């Protein structure tokens, strides 16, 4: 297994349908149900099974209501994972959503996958 074989992005402050619309425009594609194919990568947007969607703000990102799963569908897709995840994160942040990536290559993503946007440097 490669460190680039999977990434999960947890999102709040944007609905699932709006997330799909945003990512569809960003990657110039159409979702087939919950999945968008971007070259050698698949992007799936769905409800986070561990998430909260009760209208109460939640600072624990693992409980945010929207989950995006990004996986290469060919071995060549791994080479594009950092760029694809980075573009998705930046688009979500520009749309005023909060988003944090959870993957083995967070250190290669903007804001360390978004965690530095939530926590000031040097705090845990």
Protein backbone atom coordinates (compact mmCIF):
# COMPACT_ATOMS: atom_id res chain seq x y z
CA UNK A 1 0.00 0.00 0.00
CA UNK A 2 1.13 3.51 -0.82
CA UNK A 3 0.71 6.58 1.34
CA UNK A 4 -1.16 8.09 -1.64
CA UNK A 5 -3.86 5.44 -1.97
CA UNK A 6 -6.60 7.20 0.02
CA UNK A 7 -7.64 10.54 1.47
CA UNK A 8 -10.70 11.51 3.48
CA UNK A 9 -11.79 15.14 3.72
CA UNK A 10 -14.26 16.09 6.42
CA UNK A 11 -16.35 19.16 5.74
CA UNK A 12 -18.81 21.46 7.50
CA UNK A 13 -20.72 24.61 6.62
CA UNK A 14 -21.66 23.33 3.15
CA UNK A 15 -24.28 20.74 2.19
CA UNK A 16 -23.58 17.51 0.32
CA UNK A 17 -25.34 18.71 -2.85
CA UNK A 18 -23.43 22.00 -2.78
CA UNK A 19 -20.16 20.13 -2.23
CA UNK A 20 -20.87 17.94 -5.25
CA UNK A 21 -21.75 20.99 -7.35
CA UNK A 22 -18.57 22.82 -6.28
CA UNK A 23 -16.31 19.84 -7.00
CA UNK A 24 -18.10 19.08 -10.27
CA UNK A 25 -17.37 22.61 -11.49
CA UNK A 26 -13.80 22.50 -10.16
CA UNK A 27 -12.95 19.24 -11.92
CA UNK A 28 -15.25 19.85 -14.91
CA UNK A 29 -17.21 16.66 -14.44
CA UNK A 30 -20.55 15.23 -13.43
CA UNK A 31 -21.27 13.11 -10.39
CA UNK A 32 -22.85 9.74 -11.07
CA UNK A 33 -24.85 9.40 -7.86
CA UNK A 34 -22.14 10.10 -5.24
CA UNK A 35 -19.01 9.59 -7.38
CA UNK A 36 -17.06 11.80 -9.78
CA UNK A 37 -14.22 10.37 -11.86
CA UNK A 38 -11.33 12.80 -12.34
CA UNK A 39 -8.85 11.13 -14.68
CA UNK A 40 -7.32 8.29 -12.64
CA UNK A 41 -8.99 9.40 -9.40
CA UNK A 42 -12.46 8.89 -7.94
CA UNK A 43 -14.07 11.48 -5.68
CA UNK A 44 -17.05 10.39 -3.58
CA UNK A 45 -19.15 12.83 -1.54
CA UNK A 46 -21.54 11.51 1.08
CA UNK A 47 -22.82 11.95 4.60
CA UNK A 48 -20.19 11.28 7.26
CA UNK A 49 -21.53 8.24 9.17
CA UNK A 50 -19.87 9.60 12.33
CA UNK A 51 -20.94 13.18 11.68
CA UNK A 52 -23.33 15.52 13.42
CA UNK A 53 -25.86 17.50 11.46
CA UNK A 54 -27.98 18.96 14.24
CA UNK A 55 -27.25 22.63 13.54
CA UNK A 56 -24.96 22.96 16.56
CA UNK A 57 -21.42 24.06 15.61
CA UNK A 58 -18.90 21.29 16.17
CA UNK A 59 -15.16 21.93 16.53
CA UNK A 60 -14.31 18.22 16.34
CA UNK A 61 -13.73 17.79 12.60
CA UNK A 62 -14.18 14.00 12.70
CA UNK A 63 -17.85 14.73 13.53
CA UNK A 64 -18.44 17.14 10.63
CA UNK A 65 -21.43 16.09 8.50
CA UNK A 66 -19.92 15.80 4.99
CA UNK A 67 -17.27 13.29 4.00
CA UNK A 68 -15.30 13.27 0.76
CA UNK A 69 -13.30 10.17 -0.10
CA UNK A 70 -10.63 10.48 -2.76
CA UNK A 71 -8.90 7.39 -4.15
CA UNK A 72 -6.87 6.58 -7.24
CA UNK A 73 -8.61 4.08 -9.51
CA UNK A 74 -5.36 3.15 -11.29
CA UNK A 75 -1.73 3.07 -10.13
CA UNK A 76 -1.15 6.26 -12.14
CA UNK A 77 -3.72 8.08 -10.02
CA UNK A 78 -1.48 8.07 -6.96
CA UNK A 79 0.81 10.61 -8.65
CA UNK A 80 -2.09 13.12 -8.86
CA UNK A 81 -3.44 12.68 -5.32
CA UNK A 82 -1.64 15.63 -3.70
CA UNK A 83 -2.71 18.03 -6.44
CA UNK A 84 -6.30 16.76 -6.54
CA UNK A 85 -6.79 16.89 -2.77
CA UNK A 86 -5.11 20.32 -2.56
CA UNK A 87 -7.42 21.73 -5.24
CA UNK A 88 -10.48 20.30 -3.49
CA UNK A 89 -9.45 21.75 -0.12
CA UNK A 90 -8.72 25.19 -1.54
CA UNK A 91 -12.05 25.27 -3.41
CA UNK A 92 -13.91 24.36 -0.22
CA UNK A 93 -12.07 27.02 1.80
CA UNK A 94 -12.77 29.62 -0.91
CA UNK A 95 -16.46 28.69 -0.63
CA UNK A 96 -16.26 29.49 3.12
CA UNK A 97 -16.59 25.85 4.17
CA UNK A 98 -14.34 24.32 6.78
CA UNK A 99 -12.48 21.25 5.56
CA UNK A 100 -9.74 19.02 6.98
CA UNK A 101 -8.01 16.17 5.17
CA UNK A 102 -7.13 12.96 6.97
CA UNK A 103 -4.54 10.98 5.03
CA UNK A 104 -0.93 9.82 5.12
CA UNK A 105 0.27 12.80 3.08
CA UNK A 106 -1.31 15.67 5.05
CA UNK A 107 2.14 17.23 5.42
CA UNK A 108 2.23 17.78 1.64
CA UNK A 109 -1.11 19.62 1.55
CA UNK A 110 -1.86 23.30 2.15
CA UNK A 111 -2.18 24.12 5.85
CA UNK A 112 -1.16 20.50 6.61
CA UNK A 113 -4.48 19.35 5.21
CA UNK A 114 -6.38 22.15 6.92
CA UNK A 115 -5.62 21.28 10.52
CA UNK A 116 -3.42 24.38 10.85
CA UNK A 117 -6.42 26.51 9.89
CA UNK A 118 -8.20 25.17 12.99
CA UNK A 119 -5.32 25.07 15.44
CA UNK A 120 -2.70 27.79 15.75
CA UNK A 121 0.85 26.60 15.16
CA UNK A 122 2.39 24.88 18.15
CA UNK A 123 -0.87 23.79 19.81
CA UNK A 124 -2.45 20.36 19.81
